[in-house]
């Protein structure tokens, strides 16, 4: 298997930018598609649903933001 150059990935996947590669690779490892980021990049050399991975990475992994101090204080008490 040859090396994967970023320019090849960008020309293959139109919605993939240099910043989105990180999200896509992270999501692939998180979903168990591959075990390492290197394997994820090798899989991107084939045919992968980058749009679906990017959507799941952005929408599904963002933690909820606390809107009150009460939630923060109860979490601190639980930790102690």
PDB file of N, CA and C in Angstrom:
ATOM      1  N   UNK A   1       0.845  -1.172   0.000  1.00  0.00           N
ATOM      2  CA  UNK A   1       0.000   0.000   0.000  1.00  0.00           C
ATOM      3  C   UNK A   1       0.889   1.233   0.000  1.00  0.00           C
ATOM      4  N   UNK A   2       0.587   2.182  -0.824  1.00  0.00           N
ATOM      5  CA  UNK A   2       1.400   3.385  -0.943  1.00  0.00           C
ATOM      6  C   UNK A   2       1.052   4.425   0.099  1.00  0.00           C
ATOM      7  N   UNK A   3       1.818   5.491   0.077  1.00  0.00           N
ATOM      8  CA  UNK A   3       1.551   6.589   0.997  1.00  0.00           C
ATOM      9  C   UNK A   3       0.297   7.337   0.570  1.00  0.00           C
ATOM     10  N   UNK A   4      -0.350   7.951   1.557  1.00  0.00           N
ATOM     11  CA  UNK A   4      -1.534   8.747   1.268  1.00  0.00           C
ATOM     12  C   UNK A   4      -1.159  10.207   1.400  1.00  0.00           C
ATOM     13  N   UNK A   5      -1.312  10.964   0.349  1.00  0.00           N
ATOM     14  CA  UNK A   5      -1.007  12.372   0.381  1.00  0.00           C
ATOM     15  C   UNK A   5      -2.299  13.161   0.494  1.00  0.00           C
ATOM     16  N   UNK A   6      -2.252  14.201   1.294  1.00  0.00           N
ATOM     17  CA  UNK A   6      -3.456  14.981   1.570  1.00  0.00           C
ATOM     18  C   UNK A   6      -4.093  15.543   0.311  1.00  0.00           C
ATOM     19  N   UNK A   7      -3.302  15.919  -0.662  1.00  0.00           N
ATOM     20  CA  UNK A   7      -3.869  16.478  -1.886  1.00  0.00           C
ATOM     21  C   UNK A   7      -4.751  15.462  -2.601  1.00  0.00           C
ATOM     22  N   UNK A   8      -4.385  14.193  -2.534  1.00  0.00           N
ATOM     23  CA  UNK A   8      -5.207  13.155  -3.145  1.00  0.00           C
ATOM     24  C   UNK A   8      -6.553  13.037  -2.432  1.00  0.00           C
ATOM     25  N   UNK A   9      -6.524  13.133  -1.104  1.00  0.00           N
ATOM     26  CA  UNK A   9      -7.776  13.053  -0.336  1.00  0.00           C
ATOM     27  C   UNK A   9      -8.677  14.233  -0.653  1.00  0.00           C
ATOM     28  N   UNK A  10      -8.099  15.420  -0.756  1.00  0.00           N
ATOM     29  CA  UNK A  10      -8.904  16.610  -1.021  1.00  0.00           C
ATOM     30  C   UNK A  10      -9.538  16.562  -2.408  1.00  0.00           C
ATOM     31  N   UNK A  11      -8.847  15.995  -3.360  1.00  0.00           N
ATOM     32  CA  UNK A  11      -9.420  15.920  -4.705  1.00  0.00           C
ATOM     33  C   UNK A  11     -10.477  14.815  -4.786  1.00  0.00           C
ATOM     34  N   UNK A  12     -10.337  13.774  -3.982  1.00  0.00           N
ATOM     35  CA  UNK A  12     -11.293  12.671  -3.994  1.00  0.00           C
ATOM     36  C   UNK A  12     -12.595  13.044  -3.265  1.00  0.00           C
ATOM     37  N   UNK A  13     -12.459  13.715  -2.127  1.00  0.00           N
ATOM     38  CA  UNK A  13     -13.627  14.086  -1.323  1.00  0.00           C
ATOM     39  C   UNK A  13     -13.770  15.603  -1.334  1.00  0.00           C
ATOM     40  N   UNK A  14     -14.819  16.092  -1.959  1.00  0.00           N
ATOM     41  CA  UNK A  14     -15.011  17.527  -2.124  1.00  0.00           C
ATOM     42  C   UNK A  14     -15.255  18.252  -0.806  1.00  0.00           C
ATOM     43  N   UNK A  15     -15.953  17.627   0.143  1.00  0.00           N
ATOM     44  CA  UNK A  15     -16.293  18.288   1.396  1.00  0.00           C
ATOM     45  C   UNK A  15     -15.212  18.146   2.465  1.00  0.00           C
ATOM     46  N   UNK A  16     -14.094  17.566   2.127  1.00  0.00           N
ATOM     47  CA  UNK A  16     -13.036  17.327   3.097  1.00  0.00           C
ATOM     48  C   UNK A  16     -12.001  18.450   3.025  1.00  0.00           C
ATOM     49  N   UNK A  17     -11.826  19.146   4.144  1.00  0.00           N
ATOM     50  CA  UNK A  17     -10.790  20.176   4.224  1.00  0.00           C
ATOM     51  C   UNK A  17      -9.705  19.687   5.169  1.00  0.00           C
ATOM     52  N   UNK A  18      -8.643  20.441   5.295  1.00  0.00           N
ATOM     53  CA  UNK A  18      -7.547  20.007   6.151  1.00  0.00           C
ATOM     54  C   UNK A  18      -7.975  19.932   7.614  1.00  0.00           C
ATOM     55  N   UNK A  19      -8.978  20.677   8.007  1.00  0.00           N
ATOM     56  CA  UNK A  19      -9.470  20.624   9.377  1.00  0.00           C
ATOM     57  C   UNK A  19     -10.453  19.476   9.578  1.00  0.00           C
ATOM     58  N   UNK A  20     -11.233  19.179   8.570  1.00  0.00           N
ATOM     59  CA  UNK A  20     -12.228  18.118   8.673  1.00  0.00           C
ATOM     60  C   UNK A  20     -11.607  16.727   8.683  1.00  0.00           C
ATOM     61  N   UNK A  21     -10.400  16.592   8.173  1.00  0.00           N
ATOM     62  CA  UNK A  21      -9.732  15.286   8.180  1.00  0.00           C
ATOM     63  C   UNK A  21      -9.604  14.777   9.609  1.00  0.00           C
ATOM     64  N   UNK A  22      -9.268  15.671  10.531  1.00  0.00           N
ATOM     65  CA  UNK A  22      -9.108  15.283  11.928  1.00  0.00           C
ATOM     66  C   UNK A  22     -10.424  14.747  12.487  1.00  0.00           C
ATOM     67  N   UNK A  23     -11.532  15.432  12.220  1.00  0.00           N
ATOM     68  CA  UNK A  23     -12.834  14.997  12.709  1.00  0.00           C
ATOM     69  C   UNK A  23     -13.234  13.643  12.120  1.00  0.00           C
ATOM     70  N   UNK A  24     -13.003  13.475  10.839  1.00  0.00           N
ATOM     71  CA  UNK A  24     -13.379  12.230  10.164  1.00  0.00           C
ATOM     72  C   UNK A  24     -12.559  11.060  10.695  1.00  0.00           C
ATOM     73  N   UNK A  25     -11.256  11.253  10.819  1.00  0.00           N
ATOM     74  CA  UNK A  25     -10.389  10.186  11.316  1.00  0.00           C
ATOM     75  C   UNK A  25     -10.754   9.834  12.751  1.00  0.00           C
ATOM     76  N   UNK A  26     -10.990  10.839  13.575  1.00  0.00           N
ATOM     77  CA  UNK A  26     -11.374  10.602  14.976  1.00  0.00           C
ATOM     78  C   UNK A  26     -12.689   9.833  15.065  1.00  0.00           C
ATOM     79  N   UNK A  27     -13.639  10.184  14.234  1.00  0.00           N
ATOM     80  CA  UNK A  27     -14.936   9.517  14.241  1.00  0.00           C
ATOM     81  C   UNK A  27     -14.803   8.069  13.776  1.00  0.00           C
ATOM     82  N   UNK A  28     -13.951   7.817  12.806  1.00  0.00           N
ATOM     83  CA  UNK A  28     -13.745   6.451  12.323  1.00  0.00           C
ATOM     84  C   UNK A  28     -13.179   5.563  13.433  1.00  0.00           C
ATOM     85  N   UNK A  29     -12.246   6.091  14.199  1.00  0.00           N
ATOM     86  CA  UNK A  29     -11.674   5.329  15.315  1.00  0.00           C
ATOM     87  C   UNK A  29     -12.716   5.151  16.408  1.00  0.00           C
ATOM     88  N   UNK A  30     -13.475   6.196  16.691  1.00  0.00           N
ATOM     89  CA  UNK A  30     -14.493   6.147  17.743  1.00  0.00           C
ATOM     90  C   UNK A  30     -15.587   5.123  17.430  1.00  0.00           C
ATOM     91  N   UNK A  31     -15.989   5.027  16.168  1.00  0.00           N
ATOM     92  CA  UNK A  31     -17.035   4.092  15.770  1.00  0.00           C
ATOM     93  C   UNK A  31     -16.512   2.670  15.594  1.00  0.00           C
ATOM     94  N   UNK A  32     -15.209   2.483  15.709  1.00  0.00           N
ATOM     95  CA  UNK A  32     -14.640   1.154  15.584  1.00  0.00           C
ATOM     96  C   UNK A  32     -14.438   0.692  14.155  1.00  0.00           C
ATOM     97  N   UNK A  33     -14.495   1.606  13.226  1.00  0.00           N
ATOM     98  CA  UNK A  33     -14.243   1.264  11.830  1.00  0.00           C
ATOM     99  C   UNK A  33     -12.797   0.838  11.664  1.00  0.00           C
ATOM    100  N   UNK A  34     -11.928   1.457  12.437  1.00  0.00           N
ATOM    101  CA  UNK A  34     -10.507   1.108  12.441  1.00  0.00           C
ATOM    102  C   UNK A  34      -9.969   1.328  13.849  1.00  0.00           C
ATOM    103  N   UNK A  35      -8.743   0.871  14.088  1.00  0.00           N
ATOM    104  CA  UNK A  35      -8.185   0.962  15.435  1.00  0.00           C
ATOM    105  C   UNK A  35      -7.245   2.145  15.635  1.00  0.00           C
ATOM    106  N   UNK A  36      -6.627   2.613  14.572  1.00  0.00           N
ATOM    107  CA  UNK A  36      -5.674   3.714  14.688  1.00  0.00           C
ATOM    108  C   UNK A  36      -5.944   4.772  13.621  1.00  0.00           C
ATOM    109  N   UNK A  37      -5.466   6.000  13.865  1.00  0.00           N
ATOM    110  CA  UNK A  37      -5.620   7.042  12.851  1.00  0.00           C
ATOM    111  C   UNK A  37      -4.928   6.701  11.527  1.00  0.00           C
ATOM    112  N   UNK A  38      -3.828   5.978  11.600  1.00  0.00           N
ATOM    113  CA  UNK A  38      -3.131   5.583  10.377  1.00  0.00           C
ATOM    114  C   UNK A  38      -4.015   4.652   9.544  1.00  0.00           C
ATOM    115  N   UNK A  39      -4.674   3.711  10.213  1.00  0.00           N
ATOM    116  CA  UNK A  39      -5.593   2.819   9.501  1.00  0.00           C
ATOM    117  C   UNK A  39      -6.748   3.605   8.904  1.00  0.00           C
ATOM    118  N   UNK A  40      -7.219   4.625   9.618  1.00  0.00           N
ATOM    119  CA  UNK A  40      -8.309   5.456   9.101  1.00  0.00           C
ATOM    120  C   UNK A  40      -7.884   6.172   7.828  1.00  0.00           C
ATOM    121  N   UNK A  41      -6.683   6.711   7.818  1.00  0.00           N
ATOM    122  CA  UNK A  41      -6.190   7.383   6.610  1.00  0.00           C
ATOM    123  C   UNK A  41      -6.042   6.398   5.460  1.00  0.00           C
ATOM    124  N   UNK A  42      -5.633   5.183   5.772  1.00  0.00           N
ATOM    125  CA  UNK A  42      -5.527   4.169   4.721  1.00  0.00           C
ATOM    126  C   UNK A  42      -6.904   3.813   4.173  1.00  0.00           C
ATOM    127  N   UNK A  43      -7.914   3.763   5.045  1.00  0.00           N
ATOM    128  CA  UNK A  43      -9.274   3.479   4.590  1.00  0.00           C
ATOM    129  C   UNK A  43      -9.826   4.622   3.741  1.00  0.00           C
ATOM    130  N   UNK A  44      -9.411   5.846   4.041  1.00  0.00           N
ATOM    131  CA  UNK A  44      -9.858   6.987   3.236  1.00  0.00           C
ATOM    132  C   UNK A  44      -9.332   6.907   1.815  1.00  0.00           C
ATOM    133  N   UNK A  45      -8.314   6.102   1.602  1.00  0.00           N
ATOM    134  CA  UNK A  45      -7.792   5.892   0.256  1.00  0.00           C
ATOM    135  C   UNK A  45      -8.803   5.129  -0.596  1.00  0.00           C
ATOM    136  N   UNK A  46      -9.718   4.401   0.063  1.00  0.00           N
ATOM    137  CA  UNK A  46     -10.772   3.666  -0.633  1.00  0.00           C
ATOM    138  C   UNK A  46     -12.017   4.515  -0.765  1.00  0.00           C
ATOM    139  N   UNK A  47     -13.173   3.884  -0.653  1.00  0.00           N
ATOM    140  CA  UNK A  47     -14.446   4.578  -0.798  1.00  0.00           C
ATOM    141  C   UNK A  47     -15.146   4.629   0.555  1.00  0.00           C
ATOM    142  N   UNK A  48     -15.192   5.802   1.184  1.00  0.00           N
ATOM    143  CA  UNK A  48     -15.743   5.986   2.521  1.00  0.00           C
ATOM    144  C   UNK A  48     -16.794   7.089   2.477  1.00  0.00           C
ATOM    145  N   UNK A  49     -17.849   6.949   3.293  1.00  0.00           N
ATOM    146  CA  UNK A  49     -18.890   7.970   3.399  1.00  0.00           C
ATOM    147  C   UNK A  49     -18.398   9.093   4.307  1.00  0.00           C
ATOM    148  N   UNK A  50     -17.625  10.009   3.747  1.00  0.00           N
ATOM    149  CA  UNK A  50     -17.039  11.097   4.519  1.00  0.00           C
ATOM    150  C   UNK A  50     -18.111  12.045   5.030  1.00  0.00           C
ATOM    151  N   UNK A  51     -19.137  12.309   4.227  1.00  0.00           N
ATOM    152  CA  UNK A  51     -20.196  13.233   4.641  1.00  0.00           C
ATOM    153  C   UNK A  51     -20.925  12.705   5.870  1.00  0.00           C
ATOM    154  N   UNK A  52     -21.237  11.426   5.895  1.00  0.00           N
ATOM    155  CA  UNK A  52     -21.921  10.838   7.052  1.00  0.00           C
ATOM    156  C   UNK A  52     -21.054  10.864   8.286  1.00  0.00           C
ATOM    157  N   UNK A  53     -19.776  10.541   8.132  1.00  0.00           N
ATOM    158  CA  UNK A  53     -18.856  10.575   9.268  1.00  0.00           C
ATOM    159  C   UNK A  53     -18.705  11.992   9.811  1.00  0.00           C
ATOM    160  N   UNK A  54     -18.622  12.949   8.924  1.00  0.00           N
ATOM    161  CA  UNK A  54     -18.467  14.339   9.335  1.00  0.00           C
ATOM    162  C   UNK A  54     -19.710  14.829  10.070  1.00  0.00           C
ATOM    163  N   UNK A  55     -20.881  14.461   9.578  1.00  0.00           N
ATOM    164  CA  UNK A  55     -22.128  14.849  10.236  1.00  0.00           C
ATOM    165  C   UNK A  55     -22.216  14.249  11.630  1.00  0.00           C
ATOM    166  N   UNK A  56     -21.897  12.963  11.746  1.00  0.00           N
ATOM    167  CA  UNK A  56     -21.937  12.319  13.063  1.00  0.00           C
ATOM    168  C   UNK A  56     -20.885  12.884  14.006  1.00  0.00           C
ATOM    169  N   UNK A  57     -19.736  13.240  13.477  1.00  0.00           N
ATOM    170  CA  UNK A  57     -18.672  13.797  14.309  1.00  0.00           C
ATOM    171  C   UNK A  57     -19.071  15.159  14.865  1.00  0.00           C
ATOM    172  N   UNK A  58     -19.694  15.964  14.043  1.00  0.00           N
ATOM    173  CA  UNK A  58     -20.048  17.316  14.475  1.00  0.00           C
ATOM    174  C   UNK A  58     -21.304  17.312  15.340  1.00  0.00           C
ATOM    175  N   UNK A  59     -22.321  16.583  14.951  1.00  0.00           N
ATOM    176  CA  UNK A  59     -23.587  16.596  15.682  1.00  0.00           C
ATOM    177  C   UNK A  59     -23.613  15.673  16.889  1.00  0.00           C
ATOM    178  N   UNK A  60     -22.920  14.562  16.809  1.00  0.00           N
ATOM    179  CA  UNK A  60     -23.062  13.566  17.853  1.00  0.00           C
ATOM    180  C   UNK A  60     -22.078  13.630  18.990  1.00  0.00           C
ATOM    181  N   UNK A  61     -20.997  14.375  18.863  1.00  0.00           N
ATOM    182  CA  UNK A  61     -19.980  14.326  19.901  1.00  0.00           C
ATOM    183  C   UNK A  61     -19.837  15.614  20.688  1.00  0.00           C
ATOM    184  N   UNK A  62     -20.619  16.602  20.397  1.00  0.00           N
ATOM    185  CA  UNK A  62     -20.508  17.852  21.128  1.00  0.00           C
ATOM    186  C   UNK A  62     -21.171  17.710  22.491  1.00  0.00           C
ATOM    187  N   UNK A  63     -20.441  17.954  23.587  1.00  0.00           N
ATOM    188  CA  UNK A  63     -21.052  17.842  24.915  1.00  0.00           C
ATOM    189  C   UNK A  63     -22.031  18.976  25.158  1.00  0.00           C
ATOM    190  N   UNK A  64     -23.039  18.687  25.979  1.00  0.00           N
ATOM    191  CA  UNK A  64     -24.007  19.726  26.299  1.00  0.00           C
ATOM    192  C   UNK A  64     -23.368  20.748  27.225  1.00  0.00           C
ATOM    193  N   UNK A  65     -23.725  22.001  27.008  1.00  0.00           N
ATOM    194  CA  UNK A  65     -23.174  23.077  27.813  1.00  0.00           C
ATOM    195  C   UNK A  65     -24.083  23.331  28.995  1.00  0.00           C
ATOM    196  N   UNK A  66     -23.491  23.457  30.172  1.00  0.00           N
ATOM    197  CA  UNK A  66     -24.261  23.721  31.380  1.00  0.00           C
ATOM    198  C   UNK A  66     -24.827  25.127  31.322  1.00  0.00           C
ATOM    199  N   UNK A  67     -26.094  25.254  31.682  1.00  0.00           N
ATOM    200  CA  UNK A  67     -26.744  26.562  31.627  1.00  0.00           C
ATOM    201  C   UNK A  67     -26.926  27.165  33.012  1.00  0.00           C
ATOM    202  N   UNK A  68     -26.567  26.425  34.052  1.00  0.00           N
ATOM    203  CA  UNK A  68     -26.706  26.964  35.402  1.00  0.00           C
ATOM    204  C   UNK A  68     -25.546  26.498  36.271  1.00  0.00           C
ATOM    205  N   UNK A  69     -25.331  27.215  37.368  1.00  0.00           N
ATOM    206  CA  UNK A  69     -24.270  26.847  38.293  1.00  0.00           C
ATOM    207  C   UNK A  69     -24.662  25.646  39.139  1.00  0.00           C
ATOM    208  N   UNK A  70     -25.951  25.366  39.260  1.00  0.00           N
ATOM    209  CA  UNK A  70     -26.417  24.245  40.070  1.00  0.00           C
ATOM    210  C   UNK A  70     -25.892  22.917  39.537  1.00  0.00           C
ATOM    211  N   UNK A  71     -25.896  22.771  38.224  1.00  0.00           N
ATOM    212  CA  UNK A  71     -25.406  21.530  37.629  1.00  0.00           C
ATOM    213  C   UNK A  71     -23.925  21.338  37.933  1.00  0.00           C
ATOM    214  N   UNK A  72     -23.167  22.413  37.910  1.00  0.00           N
ATOM    215  CA  UNK A  72     -21.740  22.328  38.193  1.00  0.00           C
ATOM    216  C   UNK A  72     -21.486  21.942  39.646  1.00  0.00           C
ATOM    217  N   UNK A  73     -22.233  22.520  40.567  1.00  0.00           N
ATOM    218  CA  UNK A  73     -22.006  22.229  41.981  1.00  0.00           C
ATOM    219  C   UNK A  73     -22.402  20.798  42.334  1.00  0.00           C
ATOM    220  N   UNK A  74     -23.448  20.252  41.715  1.00  0.00           N
ATOM    221  CA  UNK A  74     -23.828  18.867  42.013  1.00  0.00           C
ATOM    222  C   UNK A  74     -22.799  17.895  41.459  1.00  0.00           C
ATOM    223  N   UNK A  75     -22.174  18.215  40.349  1.00  0.00           N
ATOM    224  CA  UNK A  75     -21.132  17.363  39.801  1.00  0.00           C
ATOM    225  C   UNK A  75     -19.911  17.361  40.698  1.00  0.00           C
ATOM    226  N   UNK A  76     -19.580  18.525  41.290  1.00  0.00           N
ATOM    227  CA  UNK A  76     -18.432  18.604  42.184  1.00  0.00           C
ATOM    228  C   UNK A  76     -18.673  17.800  43.453  1.00  0.00           C
ATOM    229  N   UNK A  77     -19.900  17.838  43.966  1.00  0.00           N
ATOM    230  CA  UNK A  77     -20.225  17.082  45.178  1.00  0.00           C
ATOM    231  C   UNK A  77     -20.160  15.593  44.912  1.00  0.00           C
ATOM    232  N   UNK A  78     -20.553  15.161  43.731  1.00  0.00           N
ATOM    233  CA  UNK A  78     -20.521  13.758  43.378  1.00  0.00           C
ATOM    234  C   UNK A  78     -19.085  13.259  43.292  1.00  0.00           C
ATOM    235  N   UNK A  79     -18.199  14.102  42.782  1.00  0.00           N
ATOM    236  CA  UNK A  79     -16.799  13.719  42.630  1.00  0.00           C
ATOM    237  C   UNK A  79     -16.130  13.563  43.987  1.00  0.00           C
ATOM    238  N   UNK A  80     -16.490  14.405  44.952  1.00  0.00           N
ATOM    239  CA  UNK A  80     -15.871  14.350  46.281  1.00  0.00           C
ATOM    240  C   UNK A  80     -16.326  13.128  46.965  1.00  0.00           C
TER     241      UNK A  80
END
